[in-house]
């Protein structure tokens, strides 16, 4: 059996889309007959002075063999795991350290324009370009990630969309009275925009938010202060059965992050036959959401988001169903067999 090692960086006690994707990748490689293990090295993005040193730890690791048996393939995923040395390295790039790239100069970046931070940015870009150039192949989880790689590092990546965790379980029950969001509650998801929008929503729409994260308490207080507890509900963590049920019963899903790498919400909603409301700067979701065809696209402004929600609620159900079905057709080809075939094709 061919031996495959997946490489990933892991912030302790943080589980998000990337961590779920690594778990699913391992499971499907094993399903296809590959002996697979995961090498995870702790990583944190602060203090800034430590980012480069932590990344270089990957350069010191040797995963070319295990107990004298060669490792046939390594699959790095997100920064800085692709600094690993191996003669057959095929990266499936989830994302780079975005603060050194597209997030620099935004409120979501801790790096400044100081001489010290400029050196950190330059070091990250140099390490990325060199280590990713060593790969036999570079795949990316979206065209958005590939575009960043081409723009900043001059390297080409081939898009390979990841399937969602509960592939095969999503269903459509009804078009209910709520808009649904699920995901990690952090700043880049910009949930404050849609919560603020509900101060101006005139239709009967409600918002249900599922997930946990560092902004959970702050978001809860904001909902209370705005007097929106009857219209916006925070559920916290939900299990797989409830997740599928909430998608199945919503009228539409909402996902308006800042230049997202990919975004499972869009694909999960479409597999449930539901349209998606997103923003015109959301990145990955825009590879699937076409305004008026598979969902609605709005500027990232609370008043404009509110008007878009009301626009969707004013549509006849037949029109909403048509958009949801168009979305389903757009993502129905995303599956694990294709992913495994492409990632392991250098072994054939």
C-alpha atoms as a PDB file:
ATOM      1  CA  UNK A   1       0.000   0.000   0.000  1.00  0.00           C
ATOM      2  CA  UNK A   2       1.183   3.512  -0.802  1.00  0.00           C
ATOM      3  CA  UNK A   3       1.938   5.631   2.264  1.00  0.00           C
ATOM      4  CA  UNK A   4       0.609   9.204   2.302  1.00  0.00           C
ATOM      5  CA  UNK A   5       1.234  11.894   4.916  1.00  0.00           C
ATOM      6  CA  UNK A   6      -1.054  14.929   5.185  1.00  0.00           C
ATOM      7  CA  UNK A   7       0.696  17.980   6.662  1.00  0.00           C
ATOM      8  CA  UNK A   8      -1.204  20.662   8.532  1.00  0.00           C
ATOM      9  CA  UNK A   9      -0.722  23.436  11.065  1.00  0.00           C
ATOM     10  CA  UNK A  10      -2.948  23.225  14.108  1.00  0.00           C
ATOM     11  CA  UNK A  11      -3.777  25.984  16.569  1.00  0.00           C
ATOM     12  CA  UNK A  12      -4.615  24.177  19.830  1.00  0.00           C
ATOM     13  CA  UNK A  13      -8.323  23.959  20.678  1.00  0.00           C
ATOM     14  CA  UNK A  14      -9.402  25.591  17.396  1.00  0.00           C
ATOM     15  CA  UNK A  15     -11.488  23.517  15.009  1.00  0.00           C
ATOM     16  CA  UNK A  16     -12.765  25.042  11.783  1.00  0.00           C
ATOM     17  CA  UNK A  17     -13.204  24.230   8.135  1.00  0.00           C
ATOM     18  CA  UNK A  18      -9.524  23.438   7.569  1.00  0.00           C
ATOM     19  CA  UNK A  19      -9.399  20.933  10.423  1.00  0.00           C
ATOM     20  CA  UNK A  20     -12.573  19.230   9.213  1.00  0.00           C
ATOM     21  CA  UNK A  21     -11.173  19.086   5.688  1.00  0.00           C
ATOM     22  CA  UNK A  22      -7.967  17.373   6.839  1.00  0.00           C
ATOM     23  CA  UNK A  23     -10.021  14.764   8.707  1.00  0.00           C
ATOM     24  CA  UNK A  24     -12.209  14.131   5.671  1.00  0.00           C
ATOM     25  CA  UNK A  25      -9.207  13.935   3.341  1.00  0.00           C
ATOM     26  CA  UNK A  26      -7.570  11.317   5.547  1.00  0.00           C
ATOM     27  CA  UNK A  27     -10.773   9.279   5.744  1.00  0.00           C
ATOM     28  CA  UNK A  28     -11.239   9.266   1.981  1.00  0.00           C
ATOM     29  CA  UNK A  29      -7.603   8.438   1.227  1.00  0.00           C
ATOM     30  CA  UNK A  30      -7.928   5.457   3.560  1.00  0.00           C
ATOM     31  CA  UNK A  31     -11.208   4.507   1.911  1.00  0.00           C
ATOM     32  CA  UNK A  32      -9.349   4.350  -1.377  1.00  0.00           C
ATOM     33  CA  UNK A  33      -6.686   2.039   0.030  1.00  0.00           C
ATOM     34  CA  UNK A  34      -3.878   4.455   0.955  1.00  0.00           C
ATOM     35  CA  UNK A  35      -2.104   4.081   4.298  1.00  0.00           C
ATOM     36  CA  UNK A  36      -2.501   7.610   5.623  1.00  0.00           C
ATOM     37  CA  UNK A  37      -1.382   9.638   8.609  1.00  0.00           C
ATOM     38  CA  UNK A  38      -1.530  13.317   9.591  1.00  0.00           C
ATOM     39  CA  UNK A  39       1.463  15.340  10.767  1.00  0.00           C
ATOM     40  CA  UNK A  40       0.223  18.403  12.645  1.00  0.00           C
ATOM     41  CA  UNK A  41       2.557  21.015  14.106  1.00  0.00           C
ATOM     42  CA  UNK A  42       1.193  23.648  16.531  1.00  0.00           C
ATOM     43  CA  UNK A  43       1.055  27.132  15.091  1.00  0.00           C
ATOM     44  CA  UNK A  44      -0.124  30.511  16.317  1.00  0.00           C
ATOM     45  CA  UNK A  45      -0.060  33.777  14.431  1.00  0.00           C
ATOM     46  CA  UNK A  46       1.139  35.910  17.357  1.00  0.00           C
ATOM     47  CA  UNK A  47       3.401  37.465  18.361  1.00  0.00           C
ATOM     48  CA  UNK A  48       4.442  38.648  14.921  1.00  0.00           C
ATOM     49  CA  UNK A  49       8.111  38.037  15.699  1.00  0.00           C
ATOM     50  CA  UNK A  50       7.426  34.291  16.067  1.00  0.00           C
ATOM     51  CA  UNK A  51       5.560  33.674  12.794  1.00  0.00           C
ATOM     52  CA  UNK A  52       8.664  33.046  10.693  1.00  0.00           C
ATOM     53  CA  UNK A  53      10.459  30.987  13.353  1.00  0.00           C
ATOM     54  CA  UNK A  54       7.455  28.708  13.751  1.00  0.00           C
ATOM     55  CA  UNK A  55       7.223  28.279   9.988  1.00  0.00           C
ATOM     56  CA  UNK A  56      10.869  27.250   9.724  1.00  0.00           C
ATOM     57  CA  UNK A  57      10.220  24.360  12.117  1.00  0.00           C
ATOM     58  CA  UNK A  58       8.631  22.554   9.151  1.00  0.00           C
ATOM     59  CA  UNK A  59      11.950  22.765   7.291  1.00  0.00           C
ATOM     60  CA  UNK A  60      13.599  20.695  10.027  1.00  0.00           C
ATOM     61  CA  UNK A  61      11.150  17.793   9.845  1.00  0.00           C
ATOM     62  CA  UNK A  62      11.940  14.569   8.015  1.00  0.00           C
ATOM     63  CA  UNK A  63       8.920  12.583   6.832  1.00  0.00           C
ATOM     64  CA  UNK A  64      10.615  10.818   3.926  1.00  0.00           C
ATOM     65  CA  UNK A  65      10.322   7.460   5.693  1.00  0.00           C
ATOM     66  CA  UNK A  66       8.790   5.784   8.749  1.00  0.00           C
ATOM     67  CA  UNK A  67      10.555   2.873  10.440  1.00  0.00           C
ATOM     68  CA  UNK A  68      12.610   2.382   7.315  1.00  0.00           C
ATOM     69  CA  UNK A  69       9.576   2.327   4.994  1.00  0.00           C
ATOM     70  CA  UNK A  70       9.460   5.206   2.480  1.00  0.00           C
ATOM     71  CA  UNK A  71       6.618   7.705   2.588  1.00  0.00           C
ATOM     72  CA  UNK A  72       5.396   7.862  -1.007  1.00  0.00           C
ATOM     73  CA  UNK A  73       3.594  11.206  -0.975  1.00  0.00           C
ATOM     74  CA  UNK A  74       3.144  14.237   1.268  1.00  0.00           C
ATOM     75  CA  UNK A  75       0.148  16.541   0.919  1.00  0.00           C
ATOM     76  CA  UNK A  76       0.703  19.886   2.666  1.00  0.00           C
ATOM     77  CA  UNK A  77      -2.364  22.037   3.166  1.00  0.00           C
ATOM     78  CA  UNK A  78      -2.185  25.466   4.779  1.00  0.00           C
ATOM     79  CA  UNK A  79       0.646  27.802   5.827  1.00  0.00           C
ATOM     80  CA  UNK A  80       3.298  26.885   6.819  1.00  0.00           C
ATOM     81  CA  UNK A  81       2.984  23.118   6.284  1.00  0.00           C
ATOM     82  CA  UNK A  82       4.158  23.345   2.667  1.00  0.00           C
ATOM     83  CA  UNK A  83       7.689  24.210   3.867  1.00  0.00           C
ATOM     84  CA  UNK A  84       8.138  20.474   4.474  1.00  0.00           C
ATOM     85  CA  UNK A  85      10.869  18.780   2.436  1.00  0.00           C
ATOM     86  CA  UNK A  86       9.925  15.706   0.422  1.00  0.00           C
ATOM     87  CA  UNK A  87      10.789  14.464  -3.086  1.00  0.00           C
ATOM     88  CA  UNK A  88       7.100  13.986  -3.918  1.00  0.00           C
ATOM     89  CA  UNK A  89       5.222  16.956  -2.488  1.00  0.00           C
ATOM     90  CA  UNK A  90       1.767  17.750  -3.835  1.00  0.00           C
ATOM     91  CA  UNK A  91       0.148  20.691  -2.059  1.00  0.00           C
ATOM     92  CA  UNK A  92      -3.601  21.130  -1.725  1.00  0.00           C
ATOM     93  CA  UNK A  93      -3.474  24.776  -0.711  1.00  0.00           C
ATOM     94  CA  UNK A  94      -6.205  25.817   1.711  1.00  0.00           C
ATOM     95  CA  UNK A  95      -4.702  29.251   2.242  1.00  0.00           C
ATOM     96  CA  UNK A  96      -1.462  31.118   2.872  1.00  0.00           C
ATOM     97  CA  UNK A  97      -0.859  33.480   5.791  1.00  0.00           C
ATOM     98  CA  UNK A  98      -3.303  36.047   4.499  1.00  0.00           C
ATOM     99  CA  UNK A  99      -2.053  38.878   6.728  1.00  0.00           C
ATOM    100  CA  UNK A 100       1.067  38.961   4.578  1.00  0.00           C
ATOM    101  CA  UNK A 101      -1.054  39.125   1.431  1.00  0.00           C
ATOM    102  CA  UNK A 102      -4.626  40.305   0.793  1.00  0.00           C
ATOM    103  CA  UNK A 103      -5.453  41.195   4.417  1.00  0.00           C
ATOM    104  CA  UNK A 104      -2.479  43.524   4.815  1.00  0.00           C
ATOM    105  CA  UNK A 105      -3.654  47.089   5.345  1.00  0.00           C
ATOM    106  CA  UNK A 106      -7.160  46.029   6.429  1.00  0.00           C
ATOM    107  CA  UNK A 107      -8.649  46.034   9.958  1.00  0.00           C
ATOM    108  CA  UNK A 108      -8.216  42.242   9.950  1.00  0.00           C
ATOM    109  CA  UNK A 109      -4.401  42.358   9.917  1.00  0.00           C
ATOM    110  CA  UNK A 110      -2.001  42.522  12.874  1.00  0.00           C
ATOM    111  CA  UNK A 111       1.025  43.307  10.684  1.00  0.00           C
ATOM    112  CA  UNK A 112       1.912  46.985  10.401  1.00  0.00           C
ATOM    113  CA  UNK A 113       4.093  48.930   7.990  1.00  0.00           C
ATOM    114  CA  UNK A 114       6.955  49.045  10.495  1.00  0.00           C
ATOM    115  CA  UNK A 115      10.422  47.969   9.300  1.00  0.00           C
ATOM    116  CA  UNK A 116      10.215  44.845  11.471  1.00  0.00           C
ATOM    117  CA  UNK A 117       6.834  43.799  10.105  1.00  0.00           C
ATOM    118  CA  UNK A 118       7.921  44.510   6.542  1.00  0.00           C
ATOM    119  CA  UNK A 119      10.768  42.039   7.042  1.00  0.00           C
ATOM    120  CA  UNK A 120       8.271  39.449   8.313  1.00  0.00           C
ATOM    121  CA  UNK A 121       6.051  39.924   5.254  1.00  0.00           C
ATOM    122  CA  UNK A 122       9.017  39.647   2.907  1.00  0.00           C
ATOM    123  CA  UNK A 123      10.244  36.513   4.663  1.00  0.00           C
ATOM    124  CA  UNK A 124       6.829  34.858   4.444  1.00  0.00           C
ATOM    125  CA  UNK A 125       6.508  35.637   0.745  1.00  0.00           C
ATOM    126  CA  UNK A 126      10.037  34.372   0.032  1.00  0.00           C
ATOM    127  CA  UNK A 127       9.459  31.140   1.981  1.00  0.00           C
ATOM    128  CA  UNK A 128       6.115  30.582   0.283  1.00  0.00           C
ATOM    129  CA  UNK A 129       7.456  31.096  -3.225  1.00  0.00           C
ATOM    130  CA  UNK A 130      10.456  28.834  -2.693  1.00  0.00           C
ATOM    131  CA  UNK A 131       8.697  25.993  -0.874  1.00  0.00           C
ATOM    132  CA  UNK A 132       5.655  25.923  -3.137  1.00  0.00           C
ATOM    133  CA  UNK A 133       7.920  25.963  -6.198  1.00  0.00           C
ATOM    134  CA  UNK A 134       9.265  22.606  -5.003  1.00  0.00           C
ATOM    135  CA  UNK A 135       5.879  20.899  -5.418  1.00  0.00           C
ATOM    136  CA  UNK A 136       5.181  18.301  -8.085  1.00  0.00           C
ATOM    137  CA  UNK A 137       1.716  19.858  -8.326  1.00  0.00           C
ATOM    138  CA  UNK A 138      -0.167  22.673  -6.605  1.00  0.00           C
ATOM    139  CA  UNK A 139      -3.902  22.369  -6.207  1.00  0.00           C
ATOM    140  CA  UNK A 140      -6.024  25.015  -4.510  1.00  0.00           C
ATOM    141  CA  UNK A 141      -9.423  24.776  -2.847  1.00  0.00           C
ATOM    142  CA  UNK A 142     -10.818  27.610  -4.983  1.00  0.00           C
ATOM    143  CA  UNK A 143     -10.071  29.894  -7.888  1.00  0.00           C
ATOM    144  CA  UNK A 144      -9.786  32.693  -5.334  1.00  0.00           C
ATOM    145  CA  UNK A 145      -6.866  30.967  -3.578  1.00  0.00           C
ATOM    146  CA  UNK A 146      -5.255  30.235  -6.951  1.00  0.00           C
ATOM    147  CA  UNK A 147      -5.585  33.877  -7.976  1.00  0.00           C
ATOM    148  CA  UNK A 148      -3.844  35.058  -4.795  1.00  0.00           C
ATOM    149  CA  UNK A 149      -1.022  32.589  -5.393  1.00  0.00           C
ATOM    150  CA  UNK A 150      -0.563  33.760  -8.970  1.00  0.00           C
ATOM    151  CA  UNK A 151      -0.806  37.457  -8.066  1.00  0.00           C
ATOM    152  CA  UNK A 152       1.615  37.451  -5.133  1.00  0.00           C
ATOM    153  CA  UNK A 153       3.969  34.529  -5.803  1.00  0.00           C
ATOM    154  CA  UNK A 154       3.815  34.064  -9.565  1.00  0.00           C
ATOM    155  CA  UNK A 155       2.828  30.404  -9.197  1.00  0.00           C
ATOM    156  CA  UNK A 156      -0.032  28.566 -10.867  1.00  0.00           C
ATOM    157  CA  UNK A 157      -2.474  26.402  -8.925  1.00  0.00           C
ATOM    158  CA  UNK A 158      -5.223  24.155 -10.243  1.00  0.00           C
ATOM    159  CA  UNK A 159      -8.568  24.432  -8.496  1.00  0.00           C
ATOM    160  CA  UNK A 160      -9.835  21.295  -6.756  1.00  0.00           C
ATOM    161  CA  UNK A 161     -13.019  21.993  -4.811  1.00  0.00           C
ATOM    162  CA  UNK A 162     -13.424  20.109  -1.502  1.00  0.00           C
ATOM    163  CA  UNK A 163     -16.741  18.377  -0.762  1.00  0.00           C
ATOM    164  CA  UNK A 164     -18.549  19.328   2.455  1.00  0.00           C
ATOM    165  CA  UNK A 165     -18.374  17.113   5.499  1.00  0.00           C
ATOM    166  CA  UNK A 166     -21.849  15.596   5.281  1.00  0.00           C
ATOM    167  CA  UNK A 167     -21.915  14.885   1.556  1.00  0.00           C
ATOM    168  CA  UNK A 168     -24.848  12.611   0.739  1.00  0.00           C
ATOM    169  CA  UNK A 169     -26.932  13.702   3.734  1.00  0.00           C
ATOM    170  CA  UNK A 170     -28.148  17.145   2.644  1.00  0.00           C
ATOM    171  CA  UNK A 171     -31.826  17.353   1.771  1.00  0.00           C
ATOM    172  CA  UNK A 172     -34.612  19.819   1.036  1.00  0.00           C
ATOM    173  CA  UNK A 173     -37.666  19.960   3.334  1.00  0.00           C
ATOM    174  CA  UNK A 174     -39.301  23.354   2.833  1.00  0.00           C
ATOM    175  CA  UNK A 175     -38.674  27.045   2.307  1.00  0.00           C
ATOM    176  CA  UNK A 176     -39.074  28.280   5.862  1.00  0.00           C
ATOM    177  CA  UNK A 177     -39.146  31.759   7.365  1.00  0.00           C
ATOM    178  CA  UNK A 178     -35.481  32.079   8.323  1.00  0.00           C
ATOM    179  CA  UNK A 179     -32.118  32.924   6.815  1.00  0.00           C
ATOM    180  CA  UNK A 180     -29.398  30.531   7.961  1.00  0.00           C
ATOM    181  CA  UNK A 181     -25.698  31.004   8.700  1.00  0.00           C
ATOM    182  CA  UNK A 182     -23.298  28.406  10.075  1.00  0.00           C
ATOM    183  CA  UNK A 183     -19.602  28.792  10.725  1.00  0.00           C
ATOM    184  CA  UNK A 184     -16.932  30.000  13.068  1.00  0.00           C
ATOM    185  CA  UNK A 185     -17.879  33.266  14.750  1.00  0.00           C
ATOM    186  CA  UNK A 186     -14.868  35.456  14.019  1.00  0.00           C
ATOM    187  CA  UNK A 187     -14.252  38.888  12.531  1.00  0.00           C
ATOM    188  CA  UNK A 188     -13.641  37.759   8.951  1.00  0.00           C
ATOM    189  CA  UNK A 189     -17.166  36.306   8.736  1.00  0.00           C
ATOM    190  CA  UNK A 190     -18.535  39.847   9.316  1.00  0.00           C
ATOM    191  CA  UNK A 191     -21.733  38.712  11.025  1.00  0.00           C
ATOM    192  CA  UNK A 192     -22.084  42.185  12.480  1.00  0.00           C
ATOM    193  CA  UNK A 193     -23.186  43.362   9.015  1.00  0.00           C
ATOM    194  CA  UNK A 194     -26.131  40.978   8.708  1.00  0.00           C
ATOM    195  CA  UNK A 195     -27.149  41.431  12.360  1.00  0.00           C
ATOM    196  CA  UNK A 196     -27.132  45.189  11.855  1.00  0.00           C
ATOM    197  CA  UNK A 197     -29.139  44.694   8.648  1.00  0.00           C
ATOM    198  CA  UNK A 198     -31.987  43.155  10.621  1.00  0.00           C
ATOM    199  CA  UNK A 199     -32.681  46.538  12.186  1.00  0.00           C
ATOM    200  CA  UNK A 200     -33.925  47.576   8.723  1.00  0.00           C
ATOM    201  CA  UNK A 201     -35.431  44.330   7.387  1.00  0.00           C
ATOM    202  CA  UNK A 202     -39.133  44.935   6.697  1.00  0.00           C
ATOM    203  CA  UNK A 203     -40.178  41.412   5.763  1.00  0.00           C
ATOM    204  CA  UNK A 204     -40.947  38.630   8.247  1.00  0.00           C
ATOM    205  CA  UNK A 205     -37.486  37.123   7.829  1.00  0.00           C
ATOM    206  CA  UNK A 206     -35.587  35.808  10.836  1.00  0.00           C
ATOM    207  CA  UNK A 207     -31.883  34.999  11.127  1.00  0.00           C
ATOM    208  CA  UNK A 208     -30.559  31.808  12.710  1.00  0.00           C
ATOM    209  CA  UNK A 209     -26.822  31.601  13.413  1.00  0.00           C
ATOM    210  CA  UNK A 210     -25.110  28.310  14.281  1.00  0.00           C
ATOM    211  CA  UNK A 211     -21.509  27.988  15.386  1.00  0.00           C
ATOM    212  CA  UNK A 212     -19.004  28.998  18.020  1.00  0.00           C
ATOM    213  CA  UNK A 213     -15.966  31.236  18.093  1.00  0.00           C
ATOM    214  CA  UNK A 214     -14.226  34.164  19.761  1.00  0.00           C
ATOM    215  CA  UNK A 215     -16.989  36.654  18.930  1.00  0.00           C
ATOM    216  CA  UNK A 216     -19.886  34.598  20.326  1.00  0.00           C
ATOM    217  CA  UNK A 217     -20.396  36.645  23.508  1.00  0.00           C
ATOM    218  CA  UNK A 218     -19.816  39.967  21.760  1.00  0.00           C
ATOM    219  CA  UNK A 219     -22.323  39.029  19.065  1.00  0.00           C
ATOM    220  CA  UNK A 220     -24.890  37.986  21.659  1.00  0.00           C
ATOM    221  CA  UNK A 221     -24.549  41.308  23.482  1.00  0.00           C
ATOM    222  CA  UNK A 222     -24.842  43.201  20.197  1.00  0.00           C
ATOM    223  CA  UNK A 223     -28.086  41.394  19.341  1.00  0.00           C
ATOM    224  CA  UNK A 224     -29.509  42.296  22.760  1.00  0.00           C
ATOM    225  CA  UNK A 225     -28.430  45.933  22.552  1.00  0.00           C
ATOM    226  CA  UNK A 226     -30.084  46.284  19.152  1.00  0.00           C
ATOM    227  CA  UNK A 227     -33.331  44.793  20.462  1.00  0.00           C
ATOM    228  CA  UNK A 228     -33.185  41.960  17.924  1.00  0.00           C
ATOM    229  CA  UNK A 229     -33.559  38.912  20.153  1.00  0.00           C
ATOM    230  CA  UNK A 230     -36.954  38.130  18.590  1.00  0.00           C
ATOM    231  CA  UNK A 231     -35.493  38.155  15.063  1.00  0.00           C
ATOM    232  CA  UNK A 232     -31.906  36.937  15.417  1.00  0.00           C
ATOM    233  CA  UNK A 233     -31.105  33.705  17.235  1.00  0.00           C
ATOM    234  CA  UNK A 234     -27.704  32.314  18.217  1.00  0.00           C
ATOM    235  CA  UNK A 235     -27.749  28.541  18.546  1.00  0.00           C
ATOM    236  CA  UNK A 236     -24.096  27.855  19.348  1.00  0.00           C
ATOM    237  CA  UNK A 237     -22.729  24.484  18.277  1.00  0.00           C
ATOM    238  CA  UNK A 238     -25.138  22.196  16.433  1.00  0.00           C
ATOM    239  CA  UNK A 239     -24.599  18.524  15.623  1.00  0.00           C
ATOM    240  CA  UNK A 240     -24.726  17.007  12.153  1.00  0.00           C
ATOM    241  CA  UNK A 241     -28.411  16.076  12.299  1.00  0.00           C
ATOM    242  CA  UNK A 242     -29.442  19.589  13.334  1.00  0.00           C
ATOM    243  CA  UNK A 243     -27.145  21.155  10.754  1.00  0.00           C
ATOM    244  CA  UNK A 244     -28.737  19.180   7.926  1.00  0.00           C
ATOM    245  CA  UNK A 245     -32.213  19.947   9.297  1.00  0.00           C
ATOM    246  CA  UNK A 246     -31.518  23.689   9.521  1.00  0.00           C
ATOM    247  CA  UNK A 247     -30.300  23.816   5.927  1.00  0.00           C
ATOM    248  CA  UNK A 248     -33.283  21.733   4.823  1.00  0.00           C
ATOM    249  CA  UNK A 249     -35.775  24.110   6.431  1.00  0.00           C
ATOM    250  CA  UNK A 250     -34.370  27.570   5.705  1.00  0.00           C
ATOM    251  CA  UNK A 251     -35.520  29.855   2.922  1.00  0.00           C
ATOM    252  CA  UNK A 252     -31.930  30.703   2.050  1.00  0.00           C
ATOM    253  CA  UNK A 253     -28.437  30.738   3.526  1.00  0.00           C
ATOM    254  CA  UNK A 254     -26.390  33.851   4.221  1.00  0.00           C
ATOM    255  CA  UNK A 255     -22.622  34.003   3.825  1.00  0.00           C
ATOM    256  CA  UNK A 256     -20.843  37.362   3.560  1.00  0.00           C
ATOM    257  CA  UNK A 257     -17.227  36.956   4.730  1.00  0.00           C
ATOM    258  CA  UNK A 258     -14.270  39.068   3.699  1.00  0.00           C
ATOM    259  CA  UNK A 259     -12.633  37.550   0.586  1.00  0.00           C
ATOM    260  CA  UNK A 260     -13.209  33.966   1.774  1.00  0.00           C
ATOM    261  CA  UNK A 261     -10.888  31.205   0.606  1.00  0.00           C
ATOM    262  CA  UNK A 262     -13.769  28.841  -0.266  1.00  0.00           C
ATOM    263  CA  UNK A 263     -16.805  28.711   2.006  1.00  0.00           C
ATOM    264  CA  UNK A 264     -18.626  25.454   2.762  1.00  0.00           C
ATOM    265  CA  UNK A 265     -21.879  27.303   3.467  1.00  0.00           C
ATOM    266  CA  UNK A 266     -22.473  27.997  -0.201  1.00  0.00           C
ATOM    267  CA  UNK A 267     -21.972  24.390  -1.287  1.00  0.00           C
ATOM    268  CA  UNK A 268     -23.991  22.967   1.617  1.00  0.00           C
ATOM    269  CA  UNK A 269     -26.885  25.332   0.940  1.00  0.00           C
ATOM    270  CA  UNK A 270     -26.916  24.458  -2.768  1.00  0.00           C
ATOM    271  CA  UNK A 271     -26.871  20.727  -1.990  1.00  0.00           C
ATOM    272  CA  UNK A 272     -29.945  21.445   0.161  1.00  0.00           C
ATOM    273  CA  UNK A 273     -31.631  23.163  -2.785  1.00  0.00           C
ATOM    274  CA  UNK A 274     -31.411  26.640  -1.223  1.00  0.00           C
ATOM    275  CA  UNK A 275     -30.175  29.917  -2.707  1.00  0.00           C
ATOM    276  CA  UNK A 276     -27.439  31.958  -1.017  1.00  0.00           C
ATOM    277  CA  UNK A 277     -27.208  35.643  -0.190  1.00  0.00           C
ATOM    278  CA  UNK A 278     -23.596  36.831  -0.303  1.00  0.00           C
ATOM    279  CA  UNK A 279     -21.620  40.055  -0.672  1.00  0.00           C
ATOM    280  CA  UNK A 280     -19.796  41.270  -3.752  1.00  0.00           C
ATOM    281  CA  UNK A 281     -16.421  41.030  -1.974  1.00  0.00           C
ATOM    282  CA  UNK A 282     -16.887  37.589  -0.414  1.00  0.00           C
ATOM    283  CA  UNK A 283     -14.322  35.832  -2.625  1.00  0.00           C
ATOM    284  CA  UNK A 284     -14.848  32.070  -2.841  1.00  0.00           C
ATOM    285  CA  UNK A 285     -18.667  32.097  -2.634  1.00  0.00           C
ATOM    286  CA  UNK A 286     -18.787  34.208  -5.796  1.00  0.00           C
ATOM    287  CA  UNK A 287     -17.429  31.242  -7.751  1.00  0.00           C
ATOM    288  CA  UNK A 288     -20.856  29.653  -7.215  1.00  0.00           C
ATOM    289  CA  UNK A 289     -23.333  32.457  -6.469  1.00  0.00           C
ATOM    290  CA  UNK A 290     -24.590  34.358  -9.512  1.00  0.00           C
ATOM    291  CA  UNK A 291     -26.976  37.202  -8.727  1.00  0.00           C
ATOM    292  CA  UNK A 292     -30.520  36.302  -9.695  1.00  0.00           C
ATOM    293  CA  UNK A 293     -29.521  32.810 -10.827  1.00  0.00           C
ATOM    294  CA  UNK A 294     -28.298  30.827  -7.803  1.00  0.00           C
ATOM    295  CA  UNK A 295     -28.763  33.509  -5.165  1.00  0.00           C
ATOM    296  CA  UNK A 296     -28.440  37.232  -4.578  1.00  0.00           C
ATOM    297  CA  UNK A 297     -25.293  39.369  -4.354  1.00  0.00           C
ATOM    298  CA  UNK A 298     -25.153  42.632  -2.431  1.00  0.00           C
ATOM    299  CA  UNK A 299     -22.551  45.201  -1.363  1.00  0.00           C
ATOM    300  CA  UNK A 300     -21.316  44.650   2.221  1.00  0.00           C
ATOM    301  CA  UNK A 301     -23.507  47.344   3.704  1.00  0.00           C
ATOM    302  CA  UNK A 302     -26.226  46.669   6.339  1.00  0.00           C
ATOM    303  CA  UNK A 303     -28.904  48.679   4.526  1.00  0.00           C
ATOM    304  CA  UNK A 304     -28.144  47.015   1.190  1.00  0.00           C
ATOM    305  CA  UNK A 305     -28.099  43.587   2.845  1.00  0.00           C
ATOM    306  CA  UNK A 306     -31.480  44.335   4.449  1.00  0.00           C
ATOM    307  CA  UNK A 307     -32.929  45.333   1.075  1.00  0.00           C
ATOM    308  CA  UNK A 308     -31.556  42.131  -0.473  1.00  0.00           C
ATOM    309  CA  UNK A 309     -33.151  39.982   2.252  1.00  0.00           C
ATOM    310  CA  UNK A 310     -36.483  41.726   1.644  1.00  0.00           C
ATOM    311  CA  UNK A 311     -36.027  41.200  -2.088  1.00  0.00           C
ATOM    312  CA  UNK A 312     -35.631  37.468  -1.585  1.00  0.00           C
ATOM    313  CA  UNK A 313     -38.590  37.249   0.780  1.00  0.00           C
ATOM    314  CA  UNK A 314     -40.761  39.052  -1.793  1.00  0.00           C
ATOM    315  CA  UNK A 315     -40.049  36.455  -4.487  1.00  0.00           C
ATOM    316  CA  UNK A 316     -42.603  33.694  -5.117  1.00  0.00           C
ATOM    317  CA  UNK A 317     -41.566  30.308  -3.794  1.00  0.00           C
ATOM    318  CA  UNK A 318     -41.307  28.911  -7.310  1.00  0.00           C
ATOM    319  CA  UNK A 319     -38.612  31.481  -8.121  1.00  0.00           C
ATOM    320  CA  UNK A 320     -36.685  30.728  -4.917  1.00  0.00           C
ATOM    321  CA  UNK A 321     -36.890  27.020  -5.721  1.00  0.00           C
ATOM    322  CA  UNK A 322     -35.557  27.670  -9.214  1.00  0.00           C
ATOM    323  CA  UNK A 323     -32.488  29.461  -7.805  1.00  0.00           C
ATOM    324  CA  UNK A 324     -31.885  26.669  -5.299  1.00  0.00           C
ATOM    325  CA  UNK A 325     -32.066  24.014  -7.998  1.00  0.00           C
ATOM    326  CA  UNK A 326     -29.678  25.989 -10.197  1.00  0.00           C
ATOM    327  CA  UNK A 327     -27.281  26.048  -7.255  1.00  0.00           C
ATOM    328  CA  UNK A 328     -27.621  22.308  -6.765  1.00  0.00           C
ATOM    329  CA  UNK A 329     -26.705  21.665 -10.384  1.00  0.00           C
ATOM    330  CA  UNK A 330     -23.687  23.940 -10.060  1.00  0.00           C
ATOM    331  CA  UNK A 331     -22.090  21.901  -7.241  1.00  0.00           C
ATOM    332  CA  UNK A 332     -23.338  18.380  -7.923  1.00  0.00           C
ATOM    333  CA  UNK A 333     -20.021  17.327  -9.505  1.00  0.00           C
ATOM    334  CA  UNK A 334     -17.961  18.017  -6.360  1.00  0.00           C
ATOM    335  CA  UNK A 335     -16.914  14.666  -4.878  1.00  0.00           C
ATOM    336  CA  UNK A 336     -14.115  12.879  -3.052  1.00  0.00           C
ATOM    337  CA  UNK A 337     -13.126  10.360  -5.714  1.00  0.00           C
ATOM    338  CA  UNK A 338     -12.049  13.126  -8.062  1.00  0.00           C
ATOM    339  CA  UNK A 339     -10.121  14.855  -5.256  1.00  0.00           C
ATOM    340  CA  UNK A 340      -8.241  11.677  -4.308  1.00  0.00           C
ATOM    341  CA  UNK A 341      -7.529  10.828  -7.959  1.00  0.00           C
ATOM    342  CA  UNK A 342      -5.985  14.232  -8.643  1.00  0.00           C
ATOM    343  CA  UNK A 343      -3.956  14.475  -5.418  1.00  0.00           C
ATOM    344  CA  UNK A 344      -2.436  11.020  -5.893  1.00  0.00           C
ATOM    345  CA  UNK A 345      -1.973  11.002  -9.672  1.00  0.00           C
ATOM    346  CA  UNK A 346       1.837  11.351  -9.358  1.00  0.00           C
ATOM    347  CA  UNK A 347       1.876   7.897  -7.712  1.00  0.00           C
ATOM    348  CA  UNK A 348       0.566   6.200 -10.829  1.00  0.00           C
END
